[in-house]
C-alpha atoms as a PDB file:
ATOM      1  CA  MET A   1     135.573  12.760  -3.310  1.00  0.00           C
ATOM      2  CA  ASP A   2     132.373  14.778  -3.535  1.00  0.00           C
ATOM      3  CA  SER A   3     130.713  16.911  -0.907  1.00  0.00           C
ATOM      4  CA  PRO A   4     128.573  14.429   1.058  1.00  0.00           C
ATOM      5  CA  PRO A   5     131.344  11.802   1.482  1.00  0.00           C
ATOM      6  CA  LEU A   6     133.840  14.498   2.516  1.00  0.00           C
ATOM      7  CA  ILE A   7     131.494  15.869   5.157  1.00  0.00           C
ATOM      8  CA  ARG A   8     130.688  12.338   6.344  1.00  0.00           C
ATOM      9  CA  SER A   9     134.434  11.742   6.613  1.00  0.00           C
ATOM     10  CA  TYR A  10     134.775  14.893   8.753  1.00  0.00           C
ATOM     11  CA  GLU A  11     131.914  13.687  10.966  1.00  0.00           C
ATOM     12  CA  LYS A  12     133.315  10.153  11.253  1.00  0.00           C
ATOM     13  CA  ALA A  13     136.751  11.548  12.170  1.00  0.00           C
ATOM     14  CA  GLY A  14     135.200  13.730  14.917  1.00  0.00           C
ATOM     15  CA  ALA A  15     136.246  16.832  12.981  1.00  0.00           C
ATOM     16  CA  LEU A  16     132.792  18.429  12.561  1.00  0.00           C
ATOM     17  CA  LEU A  17     132.228  20.264  15.843  1.00  0.00           C
ATOM     18  CA  GLN A  18     129.047  21.896  17.149  1.00  0.00           C
ATOM     19  CA  GLY A  19     129.105  24.836  19.608  1.00  0.00           C
ATOM     20  CA  HIS A  20     130.123  28.528  19.567  1.00  0.00           C
ATOM     21  CA  PHE A  21     133.386  29.159  17.749  1.00  0.00           C
ATOM     22  CA  LEU A  22     135.603  32.087  16.793  1.00  0.00           C
ATOM     23  CA  LEU A  23     136.845  31.807  13.214  1.00  0.00           C
ATOM     24  CA  ARG A  24     140.199  33.103  11.992  1.00  0.00           C
ATOM     25  CA  SER A  25     138.253  35.837  10.154  1.00  0.00           C
ATOM     26  CA  GLY A  26     136.877  37.170  13.465  1.00  0.00           C
ATOM     27  CA  MET A  27     133.394  35.881  12.649  1.00  0.00           C
ATOM     28  CA  HIS A  28     131.467  33.486  14.904  1.00  0.00           C
ATOM     29  CA  THR A  29     129.844  30.174  13.925  1.00  0.00           C
ATOM     30  CA  ASP A  30     127.906  27.287  15.441  1.00  0.00           C
ATOM     31  CA  CYS A  31     129.745  24.672  13.362  1.00  0.00           C
ATOM     32  CA  TYR A  32     133.518  24.268  13.134  1.00  0.00           C
ATOM     33  CA  LEU A  33     135.389  22.058  10.701  1.00  0.00           C
ATOM     34  CA  GLN A  34     138.571  20.925  12.480  1.00  0.00           C
ATOM     35  CA  SER A  35     140.737  19.941   9.533  1.00  0.00           C
ATOM     36  CA  ALA A  36     143.692  19.108  11.783  1.00  0.00           C
ATOM     37  CA  ILE A  37     141.712  16.158  13.159  1.00  0.00           C
ATOM     38  CA  PHE A  38     140.497  15.118   9.694  1.00  0.00           C
ATOM     39  CA  LEU A  39     144.005  15.345   8.210  1.00  0.00           C
ATOM     40  CA  SER A  40     145.594  13.475  11.125  1.00  0.00           C
ATOM     41  CA  ASN A  41     144.414  10.324   9.333  1.00  0.00           C
ATOM     42  CA  PRO A  42     147.074   9.827   6.619  1.00  0.00           C
ATOM     43  CA  ASP A  43     144.715   7.838   4.393  1.00  0.00           C
ATOM     44  CA  LEU A  44     142.107  10.635   4.422  1.00  0.00           C
ATOM     45  CA  ALA A  45     144.805  13.264   3.844  1.00  0.00           C
ATOM     46  CA  THR A  46     146.206  11.360   0.865  1.00  0.00           C
ATOM     47  CA  ILE A  47     142.775  10.834  -0.731  1.00  0.00           C
ATOM     48  CA  ALA A  48     141.841  14.501  -0.243  1.00  0.00           C
ATOM     49  CA  GLY A  49     145.211  15.689  -1.567  1.00  0.00           C
ATOM     50  CA  GLU A  50     144.846  13.579  -4.682  1.00  0.00           C
ATOM     51  CA  ALA A  51     141.321  14.890  -5.218  1.00  0.00           C
ATOM     52  CA  ILE A  52     142.394  18.553  -4.969  1.00  0.00           C
ATOM     53  CA  ALA A  53     145.386  17.847  -7.225  1.00  0.00           C
ATOM     54  CA  GLY A  54     142.943  16.457  -9.787  1.00  0.00           C
ATOM     55  CA  LEU A  55     140.974  19.710  -9.675  1.00  0.00           C
ATOM     56  CA  ILE A  56     143.989  22.004 -10.205  1.00  0.00           C
ATOM     57  CA  GLN A  57     146.336  19.918 -12.341  1.00  0.00           C
ATOM     58  CA  GLY A  58     145.027  21.572 -15.516  1.00  0.00           C
ATOM     59  CA  GLU A  59     146.538  24.876 -14.300  1.00  0.00           C
ATOM     60  CA  LYS A  60     149.965  23.127 -14.279  1.00  0.00           C
ATOM     61  CA  PRO A  61     151.340  24.330 -10.916  1.00  0.00           C
ATOM     62  CA  GLU A  62     155.066  23.778 -10.464  1.00  0.00           C
ATOM     63  CA  LEU A  63     154.930  24.568  -6.747  1.00  0.00           C
ATOM     64  CA  VAL A  64     152.325  24.481  -3.984  1.00  0.00           C
ATOM     65  CA  ILE A  65     152.260  27.041  -1.167  1.00  0.00           C
ATOM     66  CA  ALA A  66     149.934  26.717   1.824  1.00  0.00           C
ATOM     67  CA  PRO A  67     149.231  29.267   4.543  1.00  0.00           C
ATOM     68  CA  ALA A  68     150.465  28.001   7.908  1.00  0.00           C
ATOM     69  CA  VAL A  69     149.147  26.329   9.957  1.00  0.00           C
ATOM     70  CA  GLY A  70     145.893  24.939   8.566  1.00  0.00           C
ATOM     71  CA  GLY A  71     147.022  24.402   4.989  1.00  0.00           C
ATOM     72  CA  ILE A  72     150.371  22.718   5.624  1.00  0.00           C
ATOM     73  CA  VAL A  73     149.283  19.063   5.668  1.00  0.00           C
ATOM     74  CA  ILE A  74     146.840  19.282   2.761  1.00  0.00           C
ATOM     75  CA  GLY A  75     149.337  21.397   0.805  1.00  0.00           C
ATOM     76  CA  GLN A  76     151.960  18.676   1.235  1.00  0.00           C
ATOM     77  CA  GLU A  77     149.500  16.019   0.045  1.00  0.00           C
ATOM     78  CA  VAL A  78     148.459  18.037  -3.006  1.00  0.00           C
ATOM     79  CA  ALA A  79     152.105  18.619  -3.926  1.00  0.00           C
ATOM     80  CA  ARG A  80     152.846  14.903  -3.520  1.00  0.00           C
ATOM     81  CA  ALA A  81     149.998  14.066  -5.916  1.00  0.00           C
ATOM     82  CA  LEU A  82     151.179  16.708  -8.416  1.00  0.00           C
ATOM     83  CA  GLY A  83     154.834  15.688  -8.115  1.00  0.00           C
ATOM     84  CA  CYS A  84     156.025  19.180  -7.166  1.00  0.00           C
ATOM     85  CA  ARG A  85     157.511  21.029  -4.189  1.00  0.00           C
ATOM     86  CA  ALA A  86     155.425  22.055  -1.170  1.00  0.00           C
ATOM     87  CA  LEU A  87     156.161  25.192   0.848  1.00  0.00           C
ATOM     88  CA  PHE A  88     154.243  27.003   3.548  1.00  0.00           C
ATOM     89  CA  ALA A  89     153.903  30.715   4.166  1.00  0.00           C
ATOM     90  CA  GLU A  90     153.919  32.139   7.681  1.00  0.00           C
ATOM     91  CA  ARG A  91     151.942  35.089   8.947  1.00  0.00           C
ATOM     92  CA  THR A  92     154.007  38.182   9.718  1.00  0.00           C
ATOM     93  CA  GLY A  93     151.691  40.861  11.054  1.00  0.00           C
ATOM     94  CA  ASP A  94     149.118  41.634   8.380  1.00  0.00           C
ATOM     95  CA  SER A  95     150.820  39.676   5.601  1.00  0.00           C
ATOM     96  CA  PHE A  96     152.540  36.377   4.838  1.00  0.00           C
ATOM     97  CA  ALA A  97     156.187  35.616   4.136  1.00  0.00           C
ATOM     98  CA  LEU A  98     158.329  32.678   3.153  1.00  0.00           C
ATOM     99  CA  ARG A  99     160.915  31.838   5.788  1.00  0.00           C
ATOM    100  CA  ARG A 100     163.233  28.895   6.493  1.00  0.00           C
ATOM    101  CA  GLY A 101     165.091  29.343   3.187  1.00  0.00           C
ATOM    102  CA  PHE A 102     161.972  28.800   1.049  1.00  0.00           C
ATOM    103  CA  GLU A 103     162.055  30.514  -2.366  1.00  0.00           C
ATOM    104  CA  VAL A 104     159.768  31.026  -5.337  1.00  0.00           C
ATOM    105  CA  GLY A 105     161.353  31.248  -8.767  1.00  0.00           C
ATOM    106  CA  VAL A 106     160.518  34.218 -10.978  1.00  0.00           C
ATOM    107  CA  GLY A 107     157.595  33.169 -13.150  1.00  0.00           C
ATOM    108  CA  GLU A 108     157.159  29.877 -11.283  1.00  0.00           C
ATOM    109  CA  ARG A 109     153.564  28.605 -11.525  1.00  0.00           C
ATOM    110  CA  VAL A 110     152.157  28.376  -7.988  1.00  0.00           C
ATOM    111  CA  GLY A 111     149.035  26.767  -6.582  1.00  0.00           C
ATOM    112  CA  VAL A 112     147.812  27.985  -3.196  1.00  0.00           C
ATOM    113  CA  ILE A 113     146.235  25.267  -1.053  1.00  0.00           C
ATOM    114  CA  GLU A 114     144.106  25.894   2.046  1.00  0.00           C
ATOM    115  CA  ASP A 115     142.056  23.633   4.268  1.00  0.00           C
ATOM    116  CA  ILE A 116     138.942  25.786   4.776  1.00  0.00           C
ATOM    117  CA  VAL A 117     138.063  29.050   2.998  1.00  0.00           C
ATOM    118  CA  THR A 118     135.629  31.290   4.879  1.00  0.00           C
ATOM    119  CA  THR A 119     136.443  34.836   3.786  1.00  0.00           C
ATOM    120  CA  GLY A 120     139.506  33.977   1.703  1.00  0.00           C
ATOM    121  CA  GLY A 121     141.634  36.538   3.537  1.00  0.00           C
ATOM    122  CA  SER A 122     144.643  34.285   4.140  1.00  0.00           C
ATOM    123  CA  VAL A 123     144.616  32.999   0.571  1.00  0.00           C
ATOM    124  CA  LYS A 124     144.521  36.555  -0.805  1.00  0.00           C
ATOM    125  CA  LEU A 125     147.508  37.521   1.330  1.00  0.00           C
ATOM    126  CA  VAL A 126     149.463  34.466   0.143  1.00  0.00           C
ATOM    127  CA  LEU A 127     148.588  35.290  -3.484  1.00  0.00           C
ATOM    128  CA  GLU A 128     149.898  38.844  -2.938  1.00  0.00           C
ATOM    129  CA  MET A 129     153.100  37.443  -1.410  1.00  0.00           C
ATOM    130  CA  ILE A 130     153.646  35.141  -4.404  1.00  0.00           C
ATOM    131  CA  GLU A 131     153.290  38.060  -6.812  1.00  0.00           C
ATOM    132  CA  ARG A 132     155.697  40.197  -4.728  1.00  0.00           C
ATOM    133  CA  LEU A 133     158.249  37.382  -4.986  1.00  0.00           C
ATOM    134  CA  GLY A 134     157.862  37.144  -8.762  1.00  0.00           C
ATOM    135  CA  GLY A 135     155.848  33.927  -8.821  1.00  0.00           C
ATOM    136  CA  ARG A 136     152.759  33.364 -10.936  1.00  0.00           C
ATOM    137  CA  PRO A 137     149.648  32.256  -9.009  1.00  0.00           C
ATOM    138  CA  VAL A 138     147.724  29.839 -11.240  1.00  0.00           C
ATOM    139  CA  ALA A 139     145.253  28.050  -8.933  1.00  0.00           C
ATOM    140  CA  VAL A 140     143.672  28.000  -5.488  1.00  0.00           C
ATOM    141  CA  GLY A 141     142.474  24.737  -3.989  1.00  0.00           C
ATOM    142  CA  ALA A 142     140.746  23.923  -0.704  1.00  0.00           C
ATOM    143  CA  LEU A 143     139.120  21.058   1.100  1.00  0.00           C
ATOM    144  CA  ILE A 144     135.996  23.094   1.848  1.00  0.00           C
ATOM    145  CA  ASP A 145     134.651  26.419   0.635  1.00  0.00           C
ATOM    146  CA  ARG A 146     132.413  27.731   3.403  1.00  0.00           C
ATOM    147  CA  SER A 147     132.309  31.253   1.959  1.00  0.00           C
ATOM    148  CA  GLY A 148     128.838  30.832   0.501  1.00  0.00           C
ATOM    149  CA  GLY A 149     130.270  31.667  -2.920  1.00  0.00           C
ATOM    150  CA  ARG A 150     131.702  34.992  -1.728  1.00  0.00           C
ATOM    151  CA  ALA A 151     135.405  34.075  -1.950  1.00  0.00           C
ATOM    152  CA  HIS A 152     136.943  35.191  -5.234  1.00  0.00           C
ATOM    153  CA  PHE A 153     140.626  35.126  -6.103  1.00  0.00           C
ATOM    154  CA  ALA A 154     143.000  36.274  -8.832  1.00  0.00           C
ATOM    155  CA  ALA A 155     143.431  32.594  -9.797  1.00  0.00           C
ATOM    156  CA  PRO A 156     140.825  29.873 -10.452  1.00  0.00           C
ATOM    157  CA  PHE A 157     139.359  28.508  -7.193  1.00  0.00           C
ATOM    158  CA  HIS A 158     138.476  24.834  -6.724  1.00  0.00           C
ATOM    159  CA  SER A 159     137.226  23.045  -3.606  1.00  0.00           C
ATOM    160  CA  LEU A 160     136.161  19.506  -2.807  1.00  0.00           C
ATOM    161  CA  ALA A 161     133.020  20.689  -1.031  1.00  0.00           C
ATOM    162  CA  ALA A 162     131.034  23.878  -0.644  1.00  0.00           C
ATOM    163  CA  LEU A 163     129.079  24.445   2.542  1.00  0.00           C
ATOM    164  CA  ASN A 164     126.903  27.361   3.490  1.00  0.00           C
ATOM    165  CA  LEU A 165     127.145  27.256   7.283  1.00  0.00           C
ATOM    166  CA  ASN A 166     125.973  29.844   9.776  1.00  0.00           C
ATOM    167  CA  VAL A 167     128.475  32.679  10.211  1.00  0.00           C
ATOM    168  CA  PHE A 168     127.780  35.703  12.421  1.00  0.00           C
ATOM    169  CA  THR A 169     129.464  39.035  13.074  1.00  0.00           C
ATOM    170  CA  PRO A 170     130.352  39.268  16.779  1.00  0.00           C
ATOM    171  CA  ASP A 171     127.852  42.089  17.344  1.00  0.00           C
ATOM    172  CA  ARG A 172     124.978  40.083  15.776  1.00  0.00           C
ATOM    173  CA  CYS A 173     125.819  36.610  17.069  1.00  0.00           C
ATOM    174  CA  PRO A 174     122.797  34.795  18.571  1.00  0.00           C
ATOM    175  CA  LEU A 175     125.175  32.440  20.403  1.00  0.00           C
ATOM    176  CA  CYS A 176     126.740  35.412  22.205  1.00  0.00           C
ATOM    177  CA  ALA A 177     123.232  36.676  23.020  1.00  0.00           C
ATOM    178  CA  GLU A 178     122.495  33.275  24.599  1.00  0.00           C
ATOM    179  CA  GLY A 179     125.671  33.598  26.685  1.00  0.00           C
ATOM    180  CA  LEU A 180     127.308  30.492  25.239  1.00  0.00           C
ATOM    181  CA  PRO A 181     131.075  30.390  25.834  1.00  0.00           C
ATOM    182  CA  LEU A 182     133.181  31.201  22.768  1.00  0.00           C
ATOM    183  CA  GLU A 183     135.796  28.623  21.750  1.00  0.00           C
ATOM    184  CA  LYS A 184     138.846  29.360  19.588  1.00  0.00           C
ATOM    185  CA  PRO A 185     139.944  26.007  18.127  1.00  0.00           C
ATOM    186  CA  GLY A 186     142.010  27.392  15.204  1.00  0.00           C
ATOM    187  CA  SER A 187     145.666  28.332  14.917  1.00  0.00           C
ATOM    188  CA  ARG A 188     145.491  32.165  14.846  1.00  0.00           C
ATOM    189  CA  GLY A 189     147.623  33.737  17.530  1.00  0.00           C
ATOM    190  CA  LEU A 190     150.081  30.858  17.926  1.00  0.00           C
ATOM    191  CA  GLY A 191     153.015  33.147  17.215  1.00  0.00           C
ATOM    192  CA  ALA A 192     155.993  32.449  14.981  1.00  0.00           C
END
């Protein structure tokens, strides 16, 4: 699954939105990739999960951890394709934690799976959590890297597509200057 077909799949699924959006990073954009809609199609989720698994299988992850909420479905699909466990980490203040009885074994090889990477902040926090728990982060995988090549991690990073979309700081956002209403379609602020 290369970049153009993936983006066409997002468009066909109604998951490529145009407007004025607040990203989880606090940045603004005129284009939002709604992975929840894309991944609501089990066939698309399975194909994408298998494709990401193919990119990271060489790192030999024994476990997949996804940041909640956006990474849960694709993390599950990647783990299914790799034949390993799938966990999700939940935000607790300025960090992530495993809850619900989830555990990482000391030295266990872990792949972190996310839907969209913009700044990479959530992934970095999950990588830190894995190291605190004694796990060994070996790979990061995502559906789409929209960081413009700026996201770097302590483990090899692979994505199915890389997009360089418009991203603005709130104080320099032309959409704000035009008075367009700001939408917040993501999961930040849902609580625990």
